[in-house]
Amino acid sequence: MRWLRLRGLLLANLVLFFSFLVGLAFVGHAHENSELADHGQAPQTFGQYVGSSSFGEAVFENWESEFLQMFMYVLLTAYLVQKGSAESRPVDEPAPQDEDPRDHRTDRNAPWPVRHGSALILKLYENSLAIAFGLVFLLSLWLHAATGAATYSEDEALHGGAAVTTWQYLGTSQFWYESLQNWQSEFLAVAAIIGGSIYLRQRRSAQSKPVHAPHSETGS
């Protein structure tokens, strides 16, 4: 039970992720078969749908926006502050995250790149969170474009149109409509938690300041 308690936050989110992903697959399958029936096409099996471009597009379109949000959030919170927000570094005060890891080469419990990594490895490691989110964002964007191009081409074929390549699909208004409708909501949500944490509280949450903290206190 202690093992679960120490990992509860990550495990709970992974369970929710897989639950909603399975739910998306089932309702998406039903919706896709309804669309096929409207066009006089044979229905797909569940396995066929999960392996289809339609399901891939629905998944990667959302992953793209989520990882863009996290990539930008990591970068913006490294350089910008918001007075009073629990999501910000302290204003005009040093933060533990600002410390140079090169001063901690001899720390017994420091990660391997800090203790033994070369200058390049340490440089990559001290930016690894943003790099990882940025790479997954780019991969998700490409997968969204690739699966979207296949779905777009299938729809065009049903209406007598021509197929498009992934690169051609990147230049369509549909691709950017799908992307921007998600991007705008992601940054609205980020702005809401940054601004909301100035005046609102949630006891026990790491995303909130202590309930008794003044509105002007910055950082959690």
C-alpha atoms as a PDB file:
ATOM      1  CA  MET A   1       0.000   0.000   0.000  1.00  0.00           C
ATOM      2  CA  ARG A   2       2.880   2.389   0.681  1.00  0.00           C
ATOM      3  CA  TRP A   3       4.223   1.732  -2.824  1.00  0.00           C
ATOM      4  CA  LEU A   4       0.848   2.765  -4.254  1.00  0.00           C
ATOM      5  CA  ARG A   5       0.572   5.786  -1.972  1.00  0.00           C
ATOM      6  CA  LEU A   6       3.968   7.100  -3.052  1.00  0.00           C
ATOM      7  CA  ARG A   7       2.965   6.823  -6.720  1.00  0.00           C
ATOM      8  CA  GLY A   8      -0.741   7.601  -6.442  1.00  0.00           C
ATOM      9  CA  LEU A   9      -0.742  10.878  -8.395  1.00  0.00           C
ATOM     10  CA  LEU A  10       0.920   9.403 -11.486  1.00  0.00           C
ATOM     11  CA  LEU A  11      -1.030   6.130 -11.326  1.00  0.00           C
ATOM     12  CA  ALA A  12      -4.385   7.889 -10.927  1.00  0.00           C
ATOM     13  CA  ASN A  13      -3.730  10.011 -14.001  1.00  0.00           C
ATOM     14  CA  LEU A  14      -2.596   7.005 -16.037  1.00  0.00           C
ATOM     15  CA  VAL A  15      -5.765   5.094 -15.075  1.00  0.00           C
ATOM     16  CA  LEU A  16      -7.896   8.082 -16.082  1.00  0.00           C
ATOM     17  CA  PHE A  17      -5.972   8.420 -19.347  1.00  0.00           C
ATOM     18  CA  PHE A  18      -6.465   4.793 -20.353  1.00  0.00           C
ATOM     19  CA  SER A  19     -10.112   4.849 -19.244  1.00  0.00           C
ATOM     20  CA  PHE A  20     -10.905   7.863 -21.412  1.00  0.00           C
ATOM     21  CA  LEU A  21      -8.843   6.487 -24.301  1.00  0.00           C
ATOM     22  CA  VAL A  22     -10.857   3.259 -24.262  1.00  0.00           C
ATOM     23  CA  GLY A  23     -14.050   5.297 -24.022  1.00  0.00           C
ATOM     24  CA  LEU A  24     -12.953   7.362 -27.017  1.00  0.00           C
ATOM     25  CA  ALA A  25     -12.306   4.179 -28.990  1.00  0.00           C
ATOM     26  CA  PHE A  26     -15.779   2.772 -28.303  1.00  0.00           C
ATOM     27  CA  VAL A  27     -17.761   5.934 -29.023  1.00  0.00           C
ATOM     28  CA  GLY A  28     -15.525   6.748 -31.992  1.00  0.00           C
ATOM     29  CA  HIS A  29     -16.162   3.284 -33.405  1.00  0.00           C
ATOM     30  CA  ALA A  30     -19.914   3.789 -33.136  1.00  0.00           C
ATOM     31  CA  HIS A  31     -19.692   7.244 -34.728  1.00  0.00           C
ATOM     32  CA  GLU A  32     -17.483   6.008 -37.572  1.00  0.00           C
ATOM     33  CA  ASN A  33     -19.872   3.159 -38.405  1.00  0.00           C
ATOM     34  CA  SER A  34     -22.753   5.622 -38.409  1.00  0.00           C
ATOM     35  CA  GLU A  35     -20.863   7.769 -40.919  1.00  0.00           C
ATOM     36  CA  LEU A  36     -20.073   4.730 -43.080  1.00  0.00           C
ATOM     37  CA  ALA A  37     -23.719   3.668 -43.062  1.00  0.00           C
ATOM     38  CA  ASP A  38     -24.749   7.139 -44.243  1.00  0.00           C
ATOM     39  CA  HIS A  39     -22.495   6.652 -47.273  1.00  0.00           C
ATOM     40  CA  GLY A  40     -23.610   3.077 -47.939  1.00  0.00           C
ATOM     41  CA  GLN A  41     -20.280   1.613 -46.806  1.00  0.00           C
ATOM     42  CA  ALA A  42     -19.698  -1.611 -44.838  1.00  0.00           C
ATOM     43  CA  PRO A  43     -19.156  -1.155 -41.087  1.00  0.00           C
ATOM     44  CA  GLN A  44     -15.716  -1.533 -39.505  1.00  0.00           C
ATOM     45  CA  THR A  45     -14.838  -3.947 -36.734  1.00  0.00           C
ATOM     46  CA  PHE A  46     -13.577  -2.442 -33.493  1.00  0.00           C
ATOM     47  CA  GLY A  47     -10.048  -3.595 -34.300  1.00  0.00           C
ATOM     48  CA  GLN A  48     -10.186  -2.009 -37.731  1.00  0.00           C
ATOM     49  CA  TYR A  49     -11.319   1.285 -36.250  1.00  0.00           C
ATOM     50  CA  VAL A  50      -8.604   1.376 -33.593  1.00  0.00           C
ATOM     51  CA  GLY A  51      -6.012   0.865 -36.338  1.00  0.00           C
ATOM     52  CA  SER A  52      -7.590   3.438 -38.630  1.00  0.00           C
ATOM     53  CA  SER A  53      -6.499   6.969 -39.472  1.00  0.00           C
ATOM     54  CA  SER A  54      -9.765   8.322 -38.050  1.00  0.00           C
ATOM     55  CA  PHE A  55      -8.945   7.072 -34.557  1.00  0.00           C
ATOM     56  CA  GLY A  56      -5.304   8.104 -34.887  1.00  0.00           C
ATOM     57  CA  GLU A  57      -6.276  11.618 -35.903  1.00  0.00           C
ATOM     58  CA  ALA A  58      -8.668  11.986 -32.961  1.00  0.00           C
ATOM     59  CA  VAL A  59      -5.924  10.909 -30.534  1.00  0.00           C
ATOM     60  CA  PHE A  60      -2.891  12.720 -31.935  1.00  0.00           C
ATOM     61  CA  GLU A  61      -4.782  15.956 -32.607  1.00  0.00           C
ATOM     62  CA  ASN A  62      -5.301  16.258 -28.855  1.00  0.00           C
ATOM     63  CA  TRP A  63      -1.855  15.007 -27.831  1.00  0.00           C
ATOM     64  CA  GLU A  64      -0.372  17.684 -30.055  1.00  0.00           C
ATOM     65  CA  SER A  65      -2.111  20.491 -28.169  1.00  0.00           C
ATOM     66  CA  GLU A  66      -1.420  19.017 -24.743  1.00  0.00           C
ATOM     67  CA  PHE A  67       2.314  18.665 -25.303  1.00  0.00           C
ATOM     68  CA  LEU A  68       2.512  22.106 -26.903  1.00  0.00           C
ATOM     69  CA  GLN A  69       0.919  23.469 -23.751  1.00  0.00           C
ATOM     70  CA  MET A  70       3.367  21.662 -21.470  1.00  0.00           C
ATOM     71  CA  PHE A  71       6.381  22.594 -23.621  1.00  0.00           C
ATOM     72  CA  MET A  72       5.466  26.274 -23.604  1.00  0.00           C
ATOM     73  CA  TYR A  73       4.498  26.209 -19.928  1.00  0.00           C
ATOM     74  CA  VAL A  74       7.880  24.819 -18.899  1.00  0.00           C
ATOM     75  CA  LEU A  75       9.689  27.473 -20.953  1.00  0.00           C
ATOM     76  CA  LEU A  76       7.495  30.406 -19.939  1.00  0.00           C
ATOM     77  CA  THR A  77       7.694  29.618 -16.216  1.00  0.00           C
ATOM     78  CA  ALA A  78      11.493  29.475 -16.518  1.00  0.00           C
ATOM     79  CA  TYR A  79      11.714  33.097 -17.639  1.00  0.00           C
ATOM     80  CA  LEU A  80       8.468  34.909 -16.749  1.00  0.00           C
ATOM     81  CA  VAL A  81       6.830  35.575 -13.380  1.00  0.00           C
ATOM     82  CA  GLN A  82       3.335  36.455 -12.200  1.00  0.00           C
ATOM     83  CA  LYS A  83       3.044  38.218  -8.872  1.00  0.00           C
ATOM     84  CA  GLY A  84       0.794  36.309  -6.495  1.00  0.00           C
ATOM     85  CA  SER A  85       0.501  33.139  -8.571  1.00  0.00           C
ATOM     86  CA  ALA A  86       1.311  29.713  -7.169  1.00  0.00           C
ATOM     87  CA  GLU A  87       2.482  28.743 -10.660  1.00  0.00           C
ATOM     88  CA  SER A  88       5.265  31.342 -10.732  1.00  0.00           C
ATOM     89  CA  ARG A  89       8.787  31.493  -9.397  1.00  0.00           C
ATOM     90  CA  PRO A  90       9.212  34.063  -6.599  1.00  0.00           C
ATOM     91  CA  VAL A  91       9.512  37.671  -7.751  1.00  0.00           C
ATOM     92  CA  ASP A  92      12.986  39.222  -7.255  1.00  0.00           C
ATOM     93  CA  GLU A  93      14.073  36.268  -5.109  1.00  0.00           C
ATOM     94  CA  PRO A  94      16.298  33.295  -5.915  1.00  0.00           C
ATOM     95  CA  ALA A  95      14.536  29.977  -6.456  1.00  0.00           C
ATOM     96  CA  PRO A  96      15.996  26.464  -6.008  1.00  0.00           C
ATOM     97  CA  GLN A  97      15.377  25.855  -9.728  1.00  0.00           C
ATOM     98  CA  ASP A  98      17.803  28.694 -10.556  1.00  0.00           C
ATOM     99  CA  GLU A  99      20.796  27.045  -8.886  1.00  0.00           C
ATOM    100  CA  ASP A 100      23.637  25.986 -11.168  1.00  0.00           C
ATOM    101  CA  PRO A 101      23.815  22.167 -11.132  1.00  0.00           C
ATOM    102  CA  ARG A 102      27.592  22.429 -11.649  1.00  0.00           C
ATOM    103  CA  ASP A 103      27.831  23.539  -8.015  1.00  0.00           C
ATOM    104  CA  HIS A 104      26.311  20.209  -6.970  1.00  0.00           C
ATOM    105  CA  ARG A 105      28.660  17.780  -8.720  1.00  0.00           C
ATOM    106  CA  THR A 106      29.573  16.192  -5.386  1.00  0.00           C
ATOM    107  CA  ASP A 107      26.014  15.869  -4.038  1.00  0.00           C
ATOM    108  CA  ARG A 108      25.562  12.233  -3.090  1.00  0.00           C
ATOM    109  CA  ASN A 109      21.952  11.949  -4.279  1.00  0.00           C
ATOM    110  CA  ALA A 110      22.179  14.168  -7.357  1.00  0.00           C
ATOM    111  CA  PRO A 111      21.154  12.512 -10.656  1.00  0.00           C
ATOM    112  CA  TRP A 112      23.900  10.812 -12.686  1.00  0.00           C
ATOM    113  CA  PRO A 113      24.142  13.591 -15.332  1.00  0.00           C
ATOM    114  CA  VAL A 114      24.866  16.111 -12.572  1.00  0.00           C
ATOM    115  CA  ARG A 115      27.519  14.007 -10.833  1.00  0.00           C
ATOM    116  CA  HIS A 116      29.233  12.356 -13.805  1.00  0.00           C
ATOM    117  CA  GLY A 117      27.872  13.798 -17.055  1.00  0.00           C
ATOM    118  CA  SER A 118      30.004  15.711 -19.530  1.00  0.00           C
ATOM    119  CA  ALA A 119      29.383  19.405 -20.175  1.00  0.00           C
ATOM    120  CA  LEU A 120      27.120  18.517 -23.138  1.00  0.00           C
ATOM    121  CA  ILE A 121      25.186  15.847 -21.234  1.00  0.00           C
ATOM    122  CA  LEU A 122      24.603  18.197 -18.309  1.00  0.00           C
ATOM    123  CA  LYS A 123      23.518  20.986 -20.644  1.00  0.00           C
ATOM    124  CA  LEU A 124      20.986  18.674 -22.246  1.00  0.00           C
ATOM    125  CA  TYR A 125      19.853  17.331 -18.883  1.00  0.00           C
ATOM    126  CA  GLU A 126      19.220  20.776 -17.373  1.00  0.00           C
ATOM    127  CA  ASN A 127      16.886  21.470 -20.309  1.00  0.00           C
ATOM    128  CA  SER A 128      15.585  17.922 -20.707  1.00  0.00           C
ATOM    129  CA  LEU A 129      11.999  18.575 -19.580  1.00  0.00           C
ATOM    130  CA  ALA A 130      11.368  21.221 -22.233  1.00  0.00           C
ATOM    131  CA  ILE A 131      13.275  19.198 -24.850  1.00  0.00           C
ATOM    132  CA  ALA A 132      11.210  16.069 -24.154  1.00  0.00           C
ATOM    133  CA  PHE A 133       7.879  17.905 -24.322  1.00  0.00           C
ATOM    134  CA  GLY A 134       8.981  19.757 -27.460  1.00  0.00           C
ATOM    135  CA  LEU A 135       9.960  16.547 -29.247  1.00  0.00           C
ATOM    136  CA  VAL A 136       6.723  14.779 -28.305  1.00  0.00           C
ATOM    137  CA  PHE A 137       4.785  17.843 -29.502  1.00  0.00           C
ATOM    138  CA  LEU A 138       6.522  17.718 -32.897  1.00  0.00           C
ATOM    139  CA  LEU A 139       5.971  13.955 -33.165  1.00  0.00           C
ATOM    140  CA  SER A 140       2.287  14.341 -32.254  1.00  0.00           C
ATOM    141  CA  LEU A 141       1.895  17.183 -34.768  1.00  0.00           C
ATOM    142  CA  TRP A 142       3.354  15.010 -37.524  1.00  0.00           C
ATOM    143  CA  LEU A 143       1.195  12.012 -36.564  1.00  0.00           C
ATOM    144  CA  HIS A 144      -1.855  14.284 -36.510  1.00  0.00           C
ATOM    145  CA  ALA A 145      -0.938  15.495 -39.998  1.00  0.00           C
ATOM    146  CA  ALA A 146      -0.256  11.966 -41.300  1.00  0.00           C
ATOM    147  CA  THR A 147      -3.460  10.427 -39.953  1.00  0.00           C
ATOM    148  CA  GLY A 148      -5.425  13.544 -40.839  1.00  0.00           C
ATOM    149  CA  ALA A 149      -4.175  13.394 -44.424  1.00  0.00           C
ATOM    150  CA  ALA A 150      -5.354   9.784 -44.704  1.00  0.00           C
ATOM    151  CA  THR A 151      -8.788  10.618 -43.280  1.00  0.00           C
ATOM    152  CA  TYR A 152      -9.065  13.728 -45.454  1.00  0.00           C
ATOM    153  CA  SER A 153      -8.170  11.682 -48.527  1.00  0.00           C
ATOM    154  CA  GLU A 154     -10.769   9.041 -47.672  1.00  0.00           C
ATOM    155  CA  ASP A 155     -13.446  11.744 -47.356  1.00  0.00           C
ATOM    156  CA  GLU A 156     -12.350  13.306 -50.636  1.00  0.00           C
ATOM    157  CA  ALA A 157     -12.570   9.916 -52.358  1.00  0.00           C
ATOM    158  CA  LEU A 158     -16.177   9.518 -51.167  1.00  0.00           C
ATOM    159  CA  HIS A 159     -17.012  12.846 -52.800  1.00  0.00           C
ATOM    160  CA  GLY A 160     -14.959  12.370 -55.955  1.00  0.00           C
ATOM    161  CA  GLY A 161     -12.002  14.466 -54.827  1.00  0.00           C
ATOM    162  CA  ALA A 162      -8.245  13.846 -54.948  1.00  0.00           C
ATOM    163  CA  ALA A 163      -6.047  12.409 -52.198  1.00  0.00           C
ATOM    164  CA  VAL A 164      -3.461  14.584 -50.438  1.00  0.00           C
ATOM    165  CA  THR A 165      -0.030  13.881 -48.992  1.00  0.00           C
ATOM    166  CA  THR A 166       0.908  14.666 -45.404  1.00  0.00           C
ATOM    167  CA  TRP A 167       2.783  17.785 -46.520  1.00  0.00           C
ATOM    168  CA  GLN A 168      -0.186  18.941 -48.580  1.00  0.00           C
ATOM    169  CA  TYR A 169      -2.515  18.371 -45.641  1.00  0.00           C
ATOM    170  CA  LEU A 170      -0.304  20.600 -43.470  1.00  0.00           C
ATOM    171  CA  GLY A 171      -1.231  23.430 -45.816  1.00  0.00           C
ATOM    172  CA  THR A 172      -4.996  22.923 -45.591  1.00  0.00           C
ATOM    173  CA  SER A 173      -7.329  25.058 -43.519  1.00  0.00           C
ATOM    174  CA  GLN A 174      -8.786  21.889 -41.968  1.00  0.00           C
ATOM    175  CA  PHE A 175      -5.474  20.919 -40.363  1.00  0.00           C
ATOM    176  CA  TRP A 176      -5.009  24.360 -38.829  1.00  0.00           C
ATOM    177  CA  TYR A 177      -8.661  24.542 -37.795  1.00  0.00           C
ATOM    178  CA  GLU A 178      -8.254  21.260 -35.896  1.00  0.00           C
ATOM    179  CA  SER A 179      -4.999  22.439 -34.309  1.00  0.00           C
ATOM    180  CA  LEU A 180      -5.918  25.999 -33.385  1.00  0.00           C
ATOM    181  CA  GLN A 181      -9.272  25.069 -31.850  1.00  0.00           C
ATOM    182  CA  ASN A 182      -7.316  22.942 -29.360  1.00  0.00           C
ATOM    183  CA  TRP A 183      -4.361  25.276 -28.868  1.00  0.00           C
ATOM    184  CA  GLN A 184      -6.523  28.213 -27.841  1.00  0.00           C
ATOM    185  CA  SER A 185      -8.293  26.184 -25.160  1.00  0.00           C
ATOM    186  CA  GLU A 186      -5.023  24.854 -23.742  1.00  0.00           C
ATOM    187  CA  PHE A 187      -3.605  28.329 -23.157  1.00  0.00           C
ATOM    188  CA  LEU A 188      -6.903  29.574 -21.760  1.00  0.00           C
ATOM    189  CA  ALA A 189      -6.698  26.761 -19.191  1.00  0.00           C
ATOM    190  CA  VAL A 190      -3.088  27.668 -18.334  1.00  0.00           C
ATOM    191  CA  ALA A 191      -3.985  31.353 -17.970  1.00  0.00           C
ATOM    192  CA  ALA A 192      -6.923  30.368 -15.751  1.00  0.00           C
ATOM    193  CA  ILE A 193      -4.791  28.389 -13.280  1.00  0.00           C
ATOM    194  CA  ILE A 194      -2.071  31.068 -13.259  1.00  0.00           C
ATOM    195  CA  GLY A 195      -4.578  33.829 -12.539  1.00  0.00           C
ATOM    196  CA  GLY A 196      -6.908  31.739 -10.404  1.00  0.00           C
ATOM    197  CA  SER A 197      -4.153  30.652  -8.020  1.00  0.00           C
ATOM    198  CA  ILE A 198      -3.557  34.308  -7.082  1.00  0.00           C
ATOM    199  CA  TYR A 199      -6.898  34.625  -5.293  1.00  0.00           C
ATOM    200  CA  LEU A 200      -8.244  31.085  -4.947  1.00  0.00           C
ATOM    201  CA  ARG A 201      -6.964  28.169  -2.869  1.00  0.00           C
ATOM    202  CA  GLN A 202      -7.175  24.396  -2.669  1.00  0.00           C
ATOM    203  CA  ARG A 203      -6.009  22.986   0.615  1.00  0.00           C
ATOM    204  CA  ARG A 204      -3.397  20.202   0.261  1.00  0.00           C
ATOM    205  CA  SER A 205      -2.837  20.818  -3.471  1.00  0.00           C
ATOM    206  CA  ALA A 206       0.697  21.460  -4.713  1.00  0.00           C
ATOM    207  CA  GLN A 207      -0.837  23.753  -7.330  1.00  0.00           C
ATOM    208  CA  SER A 208      -2.145  26.115  -4.664  1.00  0.00           C
ATOM    209  CA  LYS A 209      -0.592  28.471  -2.163  1.00  0.00           C
ATOM    210  CA  PRO A 210      -1.335  27.747   1.507  1.00  0.00           C
ATOM    211  CA  VAL A 211      -4.892  28.782   2.311  1.00  0.00           C
ATOM    212  CA  HIS A 212      -3.658  31.399   4.785  1.00  0.00           C
ATOM    213  CA  ALA A 213      -1.115  32.929   2.361  1.00  0.00           C
ATOM    214  CA  PRO A 214      -1.708  36.528   1.242  1.00  0.00           C
ATOM    215  CA  HIS A 215      -2.740  37.144  -2.367  1.00  0.00           C
ATOM    216  CA  SER A 216       0.575  38.897  -3.056  1.00  0.00           C
ATOM    217  CA  GLU A 217       2.680  35.857  -2.099  1.00  0.00           C
ATOM    218  CA  THR A 218       4.213  34.334  -5.204  1.00  0.00           C
ATOM    219  CA  GLY A 219       5.028  30.644  -5.665  1.00  0.00           C
ATOM    220  CA  SER A 220       3.618  27.591  -3.937  1.00  0.00           C
END
